[in-house]
């Protein structure tokens, strides 16, 4: 019996062969569809998902890519437990935290907030700041806000910042506040009024 059937191309030297199993005890049947012309699927074929039907096999997640983009890997939060005051040109640290990225390519999304009161008879403006490291580290951003009309007028802040520290080492972030003008000091009203949250995000 012939073990291989070879079909030659109508032009050129190309051919295709159909070979029987190596063992005579293995009988295999290939049934061609009788509904339409078709093309065999190979590793270079484009598979049209609209043609799929029935019960599909479970996907192997190890073969899938780019599915983790935007995934939250971890969340770290910190808030202070005491009231604090600042005056002069001092940059006062309110709260800090440390987060260790699992990948150097991931981003750190920072959420930070504070509520402060002026304790002088002048403006109640404040400069809220976020640093990578301590208050002498890398300044990432901040905001000036509040009221400039009376004492004991609360200034509230709620900000976010995206940082890419490019490391897998423990990274510290510090929330701080600085006096806005020369005649005003600031006082946090209670322990829940300033906090910082860091979220590690997988980047695409």
Protein backbone atom coordinates (compact mmCIF):
# COMPACT_ATOMS: atom_id res chain seq x y z
CA UNK A 1 0.00 0.00 0.00
CA UNK A 2 1.23 3.50 -0.77
CA UNK A 3 2.24 5.33 2.45
CA UNK A 4 2.18 8.78 0.89
CA UNK A 5 0.06 10.61 -1.66
CA UNK A 6 1.82 13.48 -3.42
CA UNK A 7 0.07 16.21 -5.39
CA UNK A 8 2.19 18.37 -7.67
CA UNK A 9 1.41 22.01 -8.42
CA UNK A 10 0.00 22.81 -11.86
CA UNK A 11 3.03 25.02 -12.49
CA UNK A 12 6.41 25.32 -10.83
CA UNK A 13 7.96 22.73 -8.53
CA UNK A 14 5.62 23.00 -5.53
CA UNK A 15 3.81 19.97 -4.14
CA UNK A 16 1.81 18.74 -1.14
CA UNK A 17 1.93 15.28 0.38
CA UNK A 18 -0.50 13.34 2.57
CA UNK A 19 1.30 10.68 4.57
CA UNK A 20 -0.22 7.81 6.51
CA UNK A 21 0.56 7.21 10.22
CA UNK A 22 3.88 5.55 10.93
CA UNK A 23 2.18 2.67 12.75
CA UNK A 24 -0.21 0.38 10.93
CA UNK A 25 -2.33 0.10 14.08
CA UNK A 26 -3.27 3.82 13.96
CA UNK A 27 -6.07 4.51 11.53
CA UNK A 28 -6.96 8.15 10.98
CA UNK A 29 -9.71 9.72 8.89
CA UNK A 30 -9.65 13.24 7.43
CA UNK A 31 -13.10 14.36 6.34
CA UNK A 32 -13.35 17.30 3.98
CA UNK A 33 -16.30 19.68 4.51
CA UNK A 34 -19.14 19.35 2.07
CA UNK A 35 -20.61 22.82 2.63
CA UNK A 36 -18.08 25.17 1.05
CA UNK A 37 -14.52 25.59 -0.06
CA UNK A 38 -12.07 25.96 2.82
CA UNK A 39 -8.48 26.63 3.76
CA UNK A 40 -6.41 24.76 6.31
CA UNK A 41 -5.46 26.84 9.36
CA UNK A 42 -1.74 27.21 9.99
CA UNK A 43 0.41 29.23 12.39
CA UNK A 44 0.38 32.06 9.83
CA UNK A 45 -3.35 32.01 9.20
CA UNK A 46 -5.76 34.73 10.30
CA UNK A 47 -8.62 33.18 12.23
CA UNK A 48 -11.98 34.89 11.81
CA UNK A 49 -13.67 34.77 15.23
CA UNK A 50 -17.10 35.16 13.60
CA UNK A 51 -16.68 31.67 12.09
CA UNK A 52 -16.24 30.02 15.50
CA UNK A 53 -19.15 28.22 17.12
CA UNK A 54 -19.85 25.45 19.57
CA UNK A 55 -17.86 24.70 22.71
CA UNK A 56 -14.43 26.31 22.50
CA UNK A 57 -11.48 24.95 24.50
CA UNK A 58 -10.18 26.85 27.51
CA UNK A 59 -7.48 29.40 26.69
CA UNK A 60 -3.98 29.01 28.04
CA UNK A 61 -3.27 32.32 29.78
CA UNK A 62 0.50 31.89 29.37
CA UNK A 63 0.08 32.37 25.62
CA UNK A 64 -1.87 35.63 25.94
CA UNK A 65 -0.17 39.04 25.97
CA UNK A 66 -1.00 42.66 26.85
CA UNK A 67 -3.94 41.69 29.06
CA UNK A 68 -2.52 43.14 32.29
CA UNK A 69 -2.27 46.77 31.10
CA UNK A 70 -4.03 48.99 33.62
CA UNK A 71 -4.11 46.28 36.28
CA UNK A 72 -3.72 47.46 39.88
CA UNK A 73 -0.88 45.44 41.42
CA UNK A 74 -0.92 46.86 44.94
CA UNK A 75 -2.26 49.75 47.01
CA UNK A 76 -0.48 51.42 49.93
CA UNK A 77 -2.05 54.14 52.11
CA UNK A 78 -0.79 56.40 54.88
CA UNK A 79 -2.31 59.17 56.96
CA UNK A 80 -1.00 61.05 59.95
CA UNK A 81 -2.36 60.73 63.46
CA UNK A 82 -1.55 64.15 64.88
CA UNK A 83 -2.20 67.84 64.27
CA UNK A 84 0.73 69.81 62.88
CA UNK A 85 1.58 73.47 62.41
CA UNK A 86 4.02 75.22 60.12
CA UNK A 87 5.31 78.76 59.89
CA UNK A 88 8.13 80.61 58.19
CA UNK A 89 9.48 79.02 55.02
CA UNK A 90 9.44 75.51 56.41
CA UNK A 91 8.19 72.66 54.22
CA UNK A 92 6.30 70.48 56.71
CA UNK A 93 5.88 66.74 56.03
CA UNK A 94 2.32 65.59 56.76
CA UNK A 95 2.38 61.92 55.77
CA UNK A 96 4.62 59.50 53.91
CA UNK A 97 4.61 55.92 52.67
CA UNK A 98 6.88 53.39 51.02
CA UNK A 99 5.93 51.18 48.07
CA UNK A 100 8.09 48.60 46.30
CA UNK A 101 7.18 48.30 42.59
CA UNK A 102 7.04 44.75 41.24
CA UNK A 103 8.31 45.93 37.84
CA UNK A 104 10.47 48.88 36.82
CA UNK A 105 8.15 49.54 33.88
CA UNK A 106 5.07 50.03 36.07
CA UNK A 107 3.66 53.42 37.06
CA UNK A 108 2.73 54.66 40.53
CA UNK A 109 -0.56 56.55 40.70
CA UNK A 110 -0.64 58.88 43.71
CA UNK A 111 -3.76 60.26 45.37
CA UNK A 112 -3.24 62.79 48.13
CA UNK A 113 -5.45 65.15 50.07
CA UNK A 114 -5.32 67.60 52.95
CA UNK A 115 -7.51 70.08 54.82
CA UNK A 116 -5.78 72.91 56.68
CA UNK A 117 -6.81 76.03 58.59
CA UNK A 118 -5.08 79.38 58.93
CA UNK A 119 -4.35 80.28 62.55
CA UNK A 120 -3.47 83.92 61.97
CA UNK A 121 -5.56 86.90 60.96
CA UNK A 122 -4.41 86.81 57.36
CA UNK A 123 -4.76 84.53 54.38
CA UNK A 124 -5.58 80.82 54.55
CA UNK A 125 -3.75 79.84 51.40
CA UNK A 126 -1.47 76.82 51.45
CA UNK A 127 0.91 75.11 49.05
CA UNK A 128 0.36 71.34 49.09
CA UNK A 129 3.26 69.31 47.69
CA UNK A 130 4.16 65.73 46.83
CA UNK A 131 7.74 64.43 46.75
CA UNK A 132 9.46 61.23 45.72
CA UNK A 133 11.66 60.68 48.75
CA UNK A 134 11.51 63.08 51.69
CA UNK A 135 10.89 66.85 51.44
CA UNK A 136 14.41 67.30 50.05
CA UNK A 137 13.79 64.74 47.31
CA UNK A 138 12.22 65.04 43.85
CA UNK A 139 9.29 67.50 43.76
CA UNK A 140 6.52 65.90 41.70
CA UNK A 141 3.72 68.45 41.86
CA UNK A 142 1.23 70.27 44.02
CA UNK A 143 -1.36 73.00 44.26
CA UNK A 144 -1.93 76.33 45.93
CA UNK A 145 -5.43 77.02 47.17
CA UNK A 146 -7.74 78.21 49.91
CA UNK A 147 -9.21 81.57 50.89
CA UNK A 148 -7.37 84.86 51.24
CA UNK A 149 -10.10 86.72 53.15
CA UNK A 150 -10.03 85.65 56.80
CA UNK A 151 -8.43 83.57 59.51
CA UNK A 152 -9.59 80.01 60.31
CA UNK A 153 -10.88 79.55 56.78
CA UNK A 154 -10.24 75.98 55.72
CA UNK A 155 -8.29 75.15 52.54
CA UNK A 156 -9.13 71.74 51.09
CA UNK A 157 -7.10 69.83 48.51
CA UNK A 158 -7.62 66.61 46.57
CA UNK A 159 -4.98 65.84 43.94
CA UNK A 160 -3.46 62.99 41.97
CA UNK A 161 -0.15 62.44 40.22
CA UNK A 162 1.31 59.69 38.02
CA UNK A 163 4.95 58.83 38.68
CA UNK A 164 7.33 56.42 36.94
CA UNK A 165 10.17 55.73 39.39
CA UNK A 166 11.73 53.11 37.04
CA UNK A 167 12.85 50.85 39.87
CA UNK A 168 11.92 47.76 41.84
CA UNK A 169 13.45 49.16 45.02
CA UNK A 170 11.38 50.52 47.88
CA UNK A 171 10.29 54.07 46.98
CA UNK A 172 9.12 56.67 49.49
CA UNK A 173 6.53 59.36 48.75
CA UNK A 174 5.96 62.30 51.08
CA UNK A 175 2.99 64.64 51.34
CA UNK A 176 3.99 68.09 52.61
CA UNK A 177 2.66 71.61 53.02
CA UNK A 178 4.33 75.00 52.82
CA UNK A 179 3.11 78.39 53.97
CA UNK A 180 1.80 80.54 51.12
CA UNK A 181 2.58 84.01 52.51
CA UNK A 182 4.78 85.56 55.17
CA UNK A 183 2.11 86.17 57.81
CA UNK A 184 0.22 82.89 57.95
CA UNK A 185 0.74 79.57 59.72
CA UNK A 186 -1.36 76.50 59.08
CA UNK A 187 -2.94 73.91 61.34
CA UNK A 188 -4.46 70.59 60.36
CA UNK A 189 -7.81 70.18 62.10
CA UNK A 190 -7.75 66.43 62.85
CA UNK A 191 -5.92 63.20 62.11
CA UNK A 192 -8.04 62.27 59.09
CA UNK A 193 -7.42 65.48 57.18
CA UNK A 194 -4.28 64.53 55.31
CA UNK A 195 -3.48 61.25 53.61
CA UNK A 196 -1.59 59.75 50.68
CA UNK A 197 -2.38 56.64 48.65
CA UNK A 198 -0.07 54.96 46.13
CA UNK A 199 -1.33 52.46 43.52
CA UNK A 200 1.05 50.43 41.35
CA UNK A 201 -0.37 50.20 37.81
CA UNK A 202 0.78 47.92 35.00
CA UNK A 203 1.62 50.01 31.95
CA UNK A 204 0.82 48.79 28.41
